[in-house]
């Protein structure tokens, strides 16, 4: 797939910077760097959030297990009282 405007009118040998003749560090590359850094920070935030969610899930599972154990004890106790 060819994009319109890229490489048109550029002297031979200057295609290494994607059609931005003699621009050195092109505007396209700068934009890519900015977007890459933005994506990196978002991925870091999502990773931290997912780790926090994992800790919360473990804590909630522990509480549920304790509640289950307490309900079992109460059920056993109530069964003895009704006899």
PDB file of N, CA and C in Angstrom:
ATOM      1  N   UNK A   1       0.848  -1.160   0.000  1.00  0.00           N
ATOM      2  CA  UNK A   1       0.000   0.000   0.000  1.00  0.00           C
ATOM      3  C   UNK A   1       0.898   1.229   0.000  1.00  0.00           C
ATOM      4  N   UNK A   2       0.607   2.162  -0.851  1.00  0.00           N
ATOM      5  CA  UNK A   2       1.425   3.352  -0.977  1.00  0.00           C
ATOM      6  C   UNK A   2       0.636   4.550  -0.502  1.00  0.00           C
ATOM      7  N   UNK A   3       1.252   5.395   0.285  1.00  0.00           N
ATOM      8  CA  UNK A   3       0.582   6.597   0.782  1.00  0.00           C
ATOM      9  C   UNK A   3       0.896   7.764  -0.139  1.00  0.00           C
ATOM     10  N   UNK A   4      -0.097   8.542  -0.395  1.00  0.00           N
ATOM     11  CA  UNK A   4       0.066   9.691  -1.282  1.00  0.00           C
ATOM     12  C   UNK A   4       1.012  10.707  -0.658  1.00  0.00           C
ATOM     13  N   UNK A   5       1.910  11.220  -1.445  1.00  0.00           N
ATOM     14  CA  UNK A   5       2.769  12.297  -1.010  1.00  0.00           C
ATOM     15  C   UNK A   5       4.089  11.852  -0.415  1.00  0.00           C
ATOM     16  N   UNK A   6       4.217  10.654   0.008  1.00  0.00           N
ATOM     17  CA  UNK A   6       5.475  10.211   0.593  1.00  0.00           C
ATOM     18  C   UNK A   6       6.447   9.839  -0.516  1.00  0.00           C
ATOM     19  N   UNK A   7       7.543  10.518  -0.527  1.00  0.00           N
ATOM     20  CA  UNK A   7       8.581  10.199  -1.489  1.00  0.00           C
ATOM     21  C   UNK A   7       8.442  10.925  -2.814  1.00  0.00           C
ATOM     22  N   UNK A   8       7.374  11.646  -3.026  1.00  0.00           N
ATOM     23  CA  UNK A   8       7.200  12.353  -4.290  1.00  0.00           C
ATOM     24  C   UNK A   8       8.052  13.608  -4.292  1.00  0.00           C
ATOM     25  N   UNK A   9       8.836  13.792  -5.313  1.00  0.00           N
ATOM     26  CA  UNK A   9       9.663  14.972  -5.455  1.00  0.00           C
ATOM     27  C   UNK A   9      10.909  14.960  -4.580  1.00  0.00           C
ATOM     28  N   UNK A  10      11.230  13.844  -4.009  1.00  0.00           N
ATOM     29  CA  UNK A  10      12.405  13.745  -3.151  1.00  0.00           C
ATOM     30  C   UNK A  10      13.548  13.210  -3.990  1.00  0.00           C
ATOM     31  N   UNK A  11      14.707  13.838  -3.873  1.00  0.00           N
ATOM     32  CA  UNK A  11      15.841  13.346  -4.648  1.00  0.00           C
ATOM     33  C   UNK A  11      16.191  11.920  -4.263  1.00  0.00           C
ATOM     34  N   UNK A  12      16.725  11.153  -5.201  1.00  0.00           N
ATOM     35  CA  UNK A  12      17.106   9.770  -4.910  1.00  0.00           C
ATOM     36  C   UNK A  12      18.080   9.711  -3.745  1.00  0.00           C
ATOM     37  N   UNK A  13      17.925   8.689  -2.937  1.00  0.00           N
ATOM     38  CA  UNK A  13      18.822   8.499  -1.813  1.00  0.00           C
ATOM     39  C   UNK A  13      18.318   9.122  -0.522  1.00  0.00           C
ATOM     40  N   UNK A  14      17.252   9.867  -0.555  1.00  0.00           N
ATOM     41  CA  UNK A  14      16.714  10.503   0.649  1.00  0.00           C
ATOM     42  C   UNK A  14      15.444   9.815   1.136  1.00  0.00           C
ATOM     43  N   UNK A  15      15.287   8.558   0.815  1.00  0.00           N
ATOM     44  CA  UNK A  15      14.078   7.848   1.223  1.00  0.00           C
ATOM     45  C   UNK A  15      14.213   7.234   2.618  1.00  0.00           C
ATOM     46  N   UNK A  16      15.391   7.240   3.197  1.00  0.00           N
ATOM     47  CA  UNK A  16      15.609   6.669   4.513  1.00  0.00           C
ATOM     48  C   UNK A  16      14.852   7.405   5.605  1.00  0.00           C
ATOM     49  N   UNK A  17      14.535   8.677   5.375  1.00  0.00           N
ATOM     50  CA  UNK A  17      13.776   9.417   6.367  1.00  0.00           C
ATOM     51  C   UNK A  17      12.333   9.640   5.907  1.00  0.00           C
ATOM     52  N   UNK A  18      11.817   8.708   5.133  1.00  0.00           N
ATOM     53  CA  UNK A  18      10.410   8.631   4.739  1.00  0.00           C
ATOM     54  C   UNK A  18       9.920   9.840   3.959  1.00  0.00           C
ATOM     55  N   UNK A  19      10.741  10.346   3.106  1.00  0.00           N
ATOM     56  CA  UNK A  19      10.303  11.404   2.222  1.00  0.00           C
ATOM     57  C   UNK A  19      10.482  12.794   2.788  1.00  0.00           C
ATOM     58  N   UNK A  20      11.030  12.944   3.949  1.00  0.00           N
ATOM     59  CA  UNK A  20      11.278  14.264   4.512  1.00  0.00           C
ATOM     60  C   UNK A  20      12.727  14.623   4.202  1.00  0.00           C
ATOM     61  N   UNK A  21      12.920  15.227   3.055  1.00  0.00           N
ATOM     62  CA  UNK A  21      14.260  15.482   2.560  1.00  0.00           C
ATOM     63  C   UNK A  21      15.024  16.404   3.500  1.00  0.00           C
ATOM     64  N   UNK A  22      16.222  15.951   3.903  1.00  0.00           N
ATOM     65  CA  UNK A  22      17.155  16.738   4.706  1.00  0.00           C
ATOM     66  C   UNK A  22      16.552  17.284   5.998  1.00  0.00           C
ATOM     67  N   UNK A  23      15.559  16.633   6.549  1.00  0.00           N
ATOM     68  CA  UNK A  23      14.941  17.155   7.763  1.00  0.00           C
ATOM     69  C   UNK A  23      15.602  16.595   9.008  1.00  0.00           C
ATOM     70  N   UNK A  24      16.536  15.646   8.854  1.00  0.00           N
ATOM     71  CA  UNK A  24      17.169  15.035  10.010  1.00  0.00           C
ATOM     72  C   UNK A  24      16.154  14.238  10.800  1.00  0.00           C
ATOM     73  N   UNK A  25      15.829  14.765  11.967  1.00  0.00           N
ATOM     74  CA  UNK A  25      14.854  14.106  12.830  1.00  0.00           C
ATOM     75  C   UNK A  25      13.485  14.654  12.438  1.00  0.00           C
ATOM     76  N   UNK A  26      12.767  13.931  11.625  1.00  0.00           N
ATOM     77  CA  UNK A  26      11.552  14.450  10.996  1.00  0.00           C
ATOM     78  C   UNK A  26      10.406  14.658  11.968  1.00  0.00           C
ATOM     79  N   UNK A  27       9.446  15.440  11.543  1.00  0.00           N
ATOM     80  CA  UNK A  27       8.247  15.705  12.342  1.00  0.00           C
ATOM     81  C   UNK A  27       7.480  14.412  12.593  1.00  0.00           C
ATOM     82  N   UNK A  28       7.498  13.528  11.623  1.00  0.00           N
ATOM     83  CA  UNK A  28       6.817  12.242  11.772  1.00  0.00           C
ATOM     84  C   UNK A  28       7.480  11.413  12.868  1.00  0.00           C
ATOM     85  N   UNK A  29       8.787  11.404  12.900  1.00  0.00           N
ATOM     86  CA  UNK A  29       9.507  10.654  13.924  1.00  0.00           C
ATOM     87  C   UNK A  29       9.286  11.265  15.304  1.00  0.00           C
ATOM     88  N   UNK A  30       9.237  12.592  15.388  1.00  0.00           N
ATOM     89  CA  UNK A  30       8.970  13.270  16.656  1.00  0.00           C
ATOM     90  C   UNK A  30       7.577  12.917  17.174  1.00  0.00           C
ATOM     91  N   UNK A  31       6.619  12.893  16.277  1.00  0.00           N
ATOM     92  CA  UNK A  31       5.253  12.531  16.646  1.00  0.00           C
ATOM     93  C   UNK A  31       5.202  11.084  17.129  1.00  0.00           C
ATOM     94  N   UNK A  32       5.922  10.199  16.446  1.00  0.00           N
ATOM     95  CA  UNK A  32       5.981   8.798  16.867  1.00  0.00           C
ATOM     96  C   UNK A  32       6.594   8.672  18.253  1.00  0.00           C
ATOM     97  N   UNK A  33       7.644   9.416  18.531  1.00  0.00           N
ATOM     98  CA  UNK A  33       8.269   9.388  19.851  1.00  0.00           C
ATOM     99  C   UNK A  33       7.299   9.871  20.922  1.00  0.00           C
ATOM    100  N   UNK A  34       6.578  10.948  20.646  1.00  0.00           N
ATOM    101  CA  UNK A  34       5.618  11.491  21.591  1.00  0.00           C
ATOM    102  C   UNK A  34       4.510  10.481  21.863  1.00  0.00           C
ATOM    103  N   UNK A  35       3.994   9.871  20.813  1.00  0.00           N
ATOM    104  CA  UNK A  35       2.930   8.880  20.961  1.00  0.00           C
ATOM    105  C   UNK A  35       3.430   7.620  21.673  1.00  0.00           C
ATOM    106  N   UNK A  36       4.670   7.230  21.386  1.00  0.00           N
ATOM    107  CA  UNK A  36       5.252   6.070  22.053  1.00  0.00           C
ATOM    108  C   UNK A  36       5.370   6.320  23.547  1.00  0.00           C
ATOM    109  N   UNK A  37       5.829   7.498  23.926  1.00  0.00           N
ATOM    110  CA  UNK A  37       5.957   7.833  25.344  1.00  0.00           C
ATOM    111  C   UNK A  37       4.590   7.889  26.016  1.00  0.00           C
ATOM    112  N   UNK A  38       3.601   8.421  25.330  1.00  0.00           N
ATOM    113  CA  UNK A  38       2.241   8.465  25.860  1.00  0.00           C
ATOM    114  C   UNK A  38       1.708   7.046  26.076  1.00  0.00           C
ATOM    115  N   UNK A  39       1.926   6.192  25.111  1.00  0.00           N
ATOM    116  CA  UNK A  39       1.497   4.801  25.216  1.00  0.00           C
ATOM    117  C   UNK A  39       2.228   4.091  26.353  1.00  0.00           C
ATOM    118  N   UNK A  40       3.523   4.352  26.490  1.00  0.00           N
ATOM    119  CA  UNK A  40       4.317   3.746  27.554  1.00  0.00           C
ATOM    120  C   UNK A  40       3.753   4.128  28.925  1.00  0.00           C
ATOM    121  N   UNK A  41       3.395   5.397  29.105  1.00  0.00           N
ATOM    122  CA  UNK A  41       2.857   5.822  30.399  1.00  0.00           C
ATOM    123  C   UNK A  41       1.485   5.207  30.657  1.00  0.00           C
ATOM    124  N   UNK A  42       0.674   5.058  29.618  1.00  0.00           N
ATOM    125  CA  UNK A  42      -0.633   4.431  29.778  1.00  0.00           C
ATOM    126  C   UNK A  42      -0.508   2.951  30.134  1.00  0.00           C
ATOM    127  N   UNK A  43       0.428   2.269  29.494  1.00  0.00           N
ATOM    128  CA  UNK A  43       0.653   0.846  29.785  1.00  0.00           C
ATOM    129  C   UNK A  43       1.136   0.678  31.225  1.00  0.00           C
ATOM    130  N   UNK A  44       2.019   1.571  31.668  1.00  0.00           N
ATOM    131  CA  UNK A  44       2.507   1.522  33.049  1.00  0.00           C
ATOM    132  C   UNK A  44       1.361   1.720  34.034  1.00  0.00           C
ATOM    133  N   UNK A  45       0.476   2.680  33.737  1.00  0.00           N
ATOM    134  CA  UNK A  45      -0.672   2.930  34.616  1.00  0.00           C
ATOM    135  C   UNK A  45      -1.600   1.721  34.653  1.00  0.00           C
ATOM    136  N   UNK A  46      -1.856   1.120  33.502  1.00  0.00           N
ATOM    137  CA  UNK A  46      -2.738  -0.055  33.448  1.00  0.00           C
ATOM    138  C   UNK A  46      -2.102  -1.231  34.182  1.00  0.00           C
ATOM    139  N   UNK A  47      -0.795  -1.395  34.047  1.00  0.00           N
ATOM    140  CA  UNK A  47      -0.106  -2.477  34.749  1.00  0.00           C
ATOM    141  C   UNK A  47      -0.227  -2.298  36.260  1.00  0.00           C
ATOM    142  N   UNK A  48       0.001  -1.083  36.736  1.00  0.00           N
ATOM    143  CA  UNK A  48      -0.117  -0.812  38.171  1.00  0.00           C
ATOM    144  C   UNK A  48      -1.532  -1.064  38.657  1.00  0.00           C
ATOM    145  N   UNK A  49      -2.506  -0.621  37.878  1.00  0.00           N
ATOM    146  CA  UNK A  49      -3.902  -0.818  38.243  1.00  0.00           C
ATOM    147  C   UNK A  49      -4.262  -2.301  38.290  1.00  0.00           C
ATOM    148  N   UNK A  50      -3.771  -3.065  37.326  1.00  0.00           N
ATOM    149  CA  UNK A  50      -4.083  -4.498  37.312  1.00  0.00           C
ATOM    150  C   UNK A  50      -3.436  -5.210  38.495  1.00  0.00           C
ATOM    151  N   UNK A  51      -2.248  -4.778  38.903  1.00  0.00           N
ATOM    152  CA  UNK A  51      -1.608  -5.359  40.081  1.00  0.00           C
ATOM    153  C   UNK A  51      -2.418  -5.036  41.333  1.00  0.00           C
ATOM    154  N   UNK A  52      -2.877  -3.793  41.446  1.00  0.00           N
ATOM    155  CA  UNK A  52      -3.716  -3.404  42.588  1.00  0.00           C
ATOM    156  C   UNK A  52      -5.019  -4.202  42.610  1.00  0.00           C
ATOM    157  N   UNK A  53      -5.613  -4.409  41.453  1.00  0.00           N
ATOM    158  CA  UNK A  53      -6.841  -5.210  41.373  1.00  0.00           C
ATOM    159  C   UNK A  53      -6.566  -6.631  41.833  1.00  0.00           C
ATOM    160  N   UNK A  54      -5.427  -7.198  41.433  1.00  0.00           N
ATOM    161  CA  UNK A  54      -5.057  -8.545  41.859  1.00  0.00           C
ATOM    162  C   UNK A  54      -4.933  -8.646  43.366  1.00  0.00           C
ATOM    163  N   UNK A  55      -4.301  -7.637  43.986  1.00  0.00           N
ATOM    164  CA  UNK A  55      -4.189  -7.629  45.445  1.00  0.00           C
ATOM    165  C   UNK A  55      -5.569  -7.538  46.098  1.00  0.00           C
ATOM    166  N   UNK A  56      -6.420  -6.706  45.551  1.00  0.00           N
ATOM    167  CA  UNK A  56      -7.781  -6.551  46.096  1.00  0.00           C
ATOM    168  C   UNK A  56      -8.570  -7.848  45.961  1.00  0.00           C
ATOM    169  N   UNK A  57      -8.433  -8.534  44.841  1.00  0.00           N
ATOM    170  CA  UNK A  57      -9.133  -9.806  44.635  1.00  0.00           C
ATOM    171  C   UNK A  57      -8.667 -10.834  45.662  1.00  0.00           C
ATOM    172  N   UNK A  58      -7.360 -10.908  45.908  1.00  0.00           N
ATOM    173  CA  UNK A  58      -6.843 -11.848  46.903  1.00  0.00           C
ATOM    174  C   UNK A  58      -7.404 -11.529  48.284  1.00  0.00           C
ATOM    175  N   UNK A  59      -7.444 -10.242  48.618  1.00  0.00           N
ATOM    176  CA  UNK A  59      -7.983  -9.830  49.915  1.00  0.00           C
ATOM    177  C   UNK A  59      -9.466 -10.191  50.031  1.00  0.00           C
ATOM    178  N   UNK A  60     -10.233  -9.909  48.999  1.00  0.00           N
ATOM    179  CA  UNK A  60     -11.665 -10.217  49.007  1.00  0.00           C
ATOM    180  C   UNK A  60     -11.905 -11.729  49.092  1.00  0.00           C
ATOM    181  N   UNK A  61     -11.096 -12.512  48.380  1.00  0.00           N
ATOM    182  CA  UNK A  61     -11.228 -13.973  48.452  1.00  0.00           C
ATOM    183  C   UNK A  61     -10.937 -14.482  49.861  1.00  0.00           C
ATOM    184  N   UNK A  62      -9.946 -13.871  50.519  1.00  0.00           N
ATOM    185  CA  UNK A  62      -9.632 -14.255  51.893  1.00  0.00           C
ATOM    186  C   UNK A  62     -10.822 -13.951  52.813  1.00  0.00           C
ATOM    187  N   UNK A  63     -11.416 -12.769  52.649  1.00  0.00           N
ATOM    188  CA  UNK A  63     -12.584 -12.413  53.459  1.00  0.00           C
ATOM    189  C   UNK A  63     -13.752 -13.359  53.201  1.00  0.00           C
ATOM    190  N   UNK A  64     -13.972 -13.706  51.954  1.00  0.00           N
ATOM    191  CA  UNK A  64     -15.059 -14.628  51.620  1.00  0.00           C
ATOM    192  C   UNK A  64     -14.816 -16.011  52.216  1.00  0.00           C
ATOM    193  N   UNK A  65     -13.577 -16.462  52.186  1.00  0.00           N
ATOM    194  CA  UNK A  65     -13.253 -17.771  52.776  1.00  0.00           C
ATOM    195  C   UNK A  65     -13.501 -17.753  54.282  1.00  0.00           C
ATOM    196  N   UNK A  66     -13.132 -16.649  54.932  1.00  0.00           N
ATOM    197  CA  UNK A  66     -13.385 -16.523  56.366  1.00  0.00           C
ATOM    198  C   UNK A  66     -14.888 -16.508  56.660  1.00  0.00           C
ATOM    199  N   UNK A  67     -15.642 -15.784  55.833  1.00  0.00           N
ATOM    200  CA  UNK A  67     -17.097 -15.754  56.015  1.00  0.00           C
ATOM    201  C   UNK A  67     -17.697 -17.136  55.824  1.00  0.00           C
ATOM    202  N   UNK A  68     -17.218 -17.861  54.829  1.00  0.00           N
ATOM    203  CA  UNK A  68     -17.712 -19.208  54.567  1.00  0.00           C
ATOM    204  C   UNK A  68     -17.450 -20.105  55.776  1.00  0.00           C
ATOM    205  N   UNK A  69     -16.252 -19.990  56.326  1.00  0.00           N
ATOM    206  CA  UNK A  69     -15.908 -20.779  57.504  1.00  0.00           C
ATOM    207  C   UNK A  69     -16.807 -20.418  58.688  1.00  0.00           C
ATOM    208  N   UNK A  70     -17.059 -19.140  58.873  1.00  0.00           N
ATOM    209  CA  UNK A  70     -17.924 -18.704  59.968  1.00  0.00           C
ATOM    210  C   UNK A  70     -19.361 -19.169  59.771  1.00  0.00           C
ATOM    211  N   UNK A  71     -19.838 -19.128  58.532  1.00  0.00           N
ATOM    212  CA  UNK A  71     -21.194 -19.625  58.255  1.00  0.00           C
ATOM    213  C   UNK A  71     -21.284 -21.129  58.531  1.00  0.00           C
ATOM    214  N   UNK A  72     -20.251 -21.874  58.149  1.00  0.00           N
ATOM    215  CA  UNK A  72     -20.236 -23.308  58.433  1.00  0.00           C
ATOM    216  C   UNK A  72     -20.281 -23.557  59.939  1.00  0.00           C
ATOM    217  N   UNK A  73     -19.519 -22.796  60.710  1.00  0.00           N
ATOM    218  CA  UNK A  73     -19.518 -22.937  62.168  1.00  0.00           C
ATOM    219  C   UNK A  73     -20.888 -22.609  62.744  1.00  0.00           C
ATOM    220  N   UNK A  74     -21.495 -21.542  62.233  1.00  0.00           N
ATOM    221  CA  UNK A  74     -22.814 -21.131  62.718  1.00  0.00           C
ATOM    222  C   UNK A  74     -23.864 -22.170  62.375  1.00  0.00           C
ATOM    223  N   UNK A  75     -23.783 -22.728  61.170  1.00  0.00           N
ATOM    224  CA  UNK A  75     -24.735 -23.758  60.759  1.00  0.00           C
ATOM    225  C   UNK A  75     -24.609 -24.975  61.662  1.00  0.00           C
ATOM    226  N   UNK A  76     -23.368 -25.369  61.960  1.00  0.00           N
ATOM    227  CA  UNK A  76     -23.146 -26.500  62.857  1.00  0.00           C
ATOM    228  C   UNK A  76     -23.668 -26.215  64.264  1.00  0.00           C
ATOM    229  N   UNK A  77     -23.433 -25.009  64.739  1.00  0.00           N
ATOM    230  CA  UNK A  77     -23.882 -24.616  66.063  1.00  0.00           C
ATOM    231  C   UNK A  77     -25.409 -24.599  66.135  1.00  0.00           C
ATOM    232  N   UNK A  78     -26.044 -24.041  65.115  1.00  0.00           N
ATOM    233  CA  UNK A  78     -27.507 -23.979  65.101  1.00  0.00           C
ATOM    234  C   UNK A  78     -28.102 -25.373  64.984  1.00  0.00           C
ATOM    235  N   UNK A  79     -27.426 -26.277  64.285  1.00  0.00           N
ATOM    236  CA  UNK A  79     -27.897 -27.652  64.178  1.00  0.00           C
ATOM    237  C   UNK A  79     -27.867 -28.361  65.512  1.00  0.00           C
ATOM    238  N   UNK A  80     -26.865 -28.082  66.317  1.00  0.00           N
ATOM    239  CA  UNK A  80     -26.777 -28.687  67.651  1.00  0.00           C
ATOM    240  C   UNK A  80     -27.824 -28.114  68.584  1.00  0.00           C
ATOM    241  N   UNK A  81     -28.135 -26.840  68.428  1.00  0.00           N
ATOM    242  CA  UNK A  81     -29.098 -26.187  69.310  1.00  0.00           C
ATOM    243  C   UNK A  81     -30.518 -26.666  69.035  1.00  0.00           C
ATOM    244  N   UNK A  82     -30.810 -27.058  67.831  1.00  0.00           N
ATOM    245  CA  UNK A  82     -32.184 -27.456  67.487  1.00  0.00           C
ATOM    246  C   UNK A  82     -32.467 -28.908  67.883  1.00  0.00           C
ATOM    247  N   UNK A  83     -31.501 -29.649  68.335  1.00  0.00           N
ATOM    248  CA  UNK A  83     -31.711 -31.048  68.708  1.00  0.00           C
ATOM    249  C   UNK A  83     -32.271 -31.167  70.076  1.00  0.00           C
TER     250      UNK A  83
END
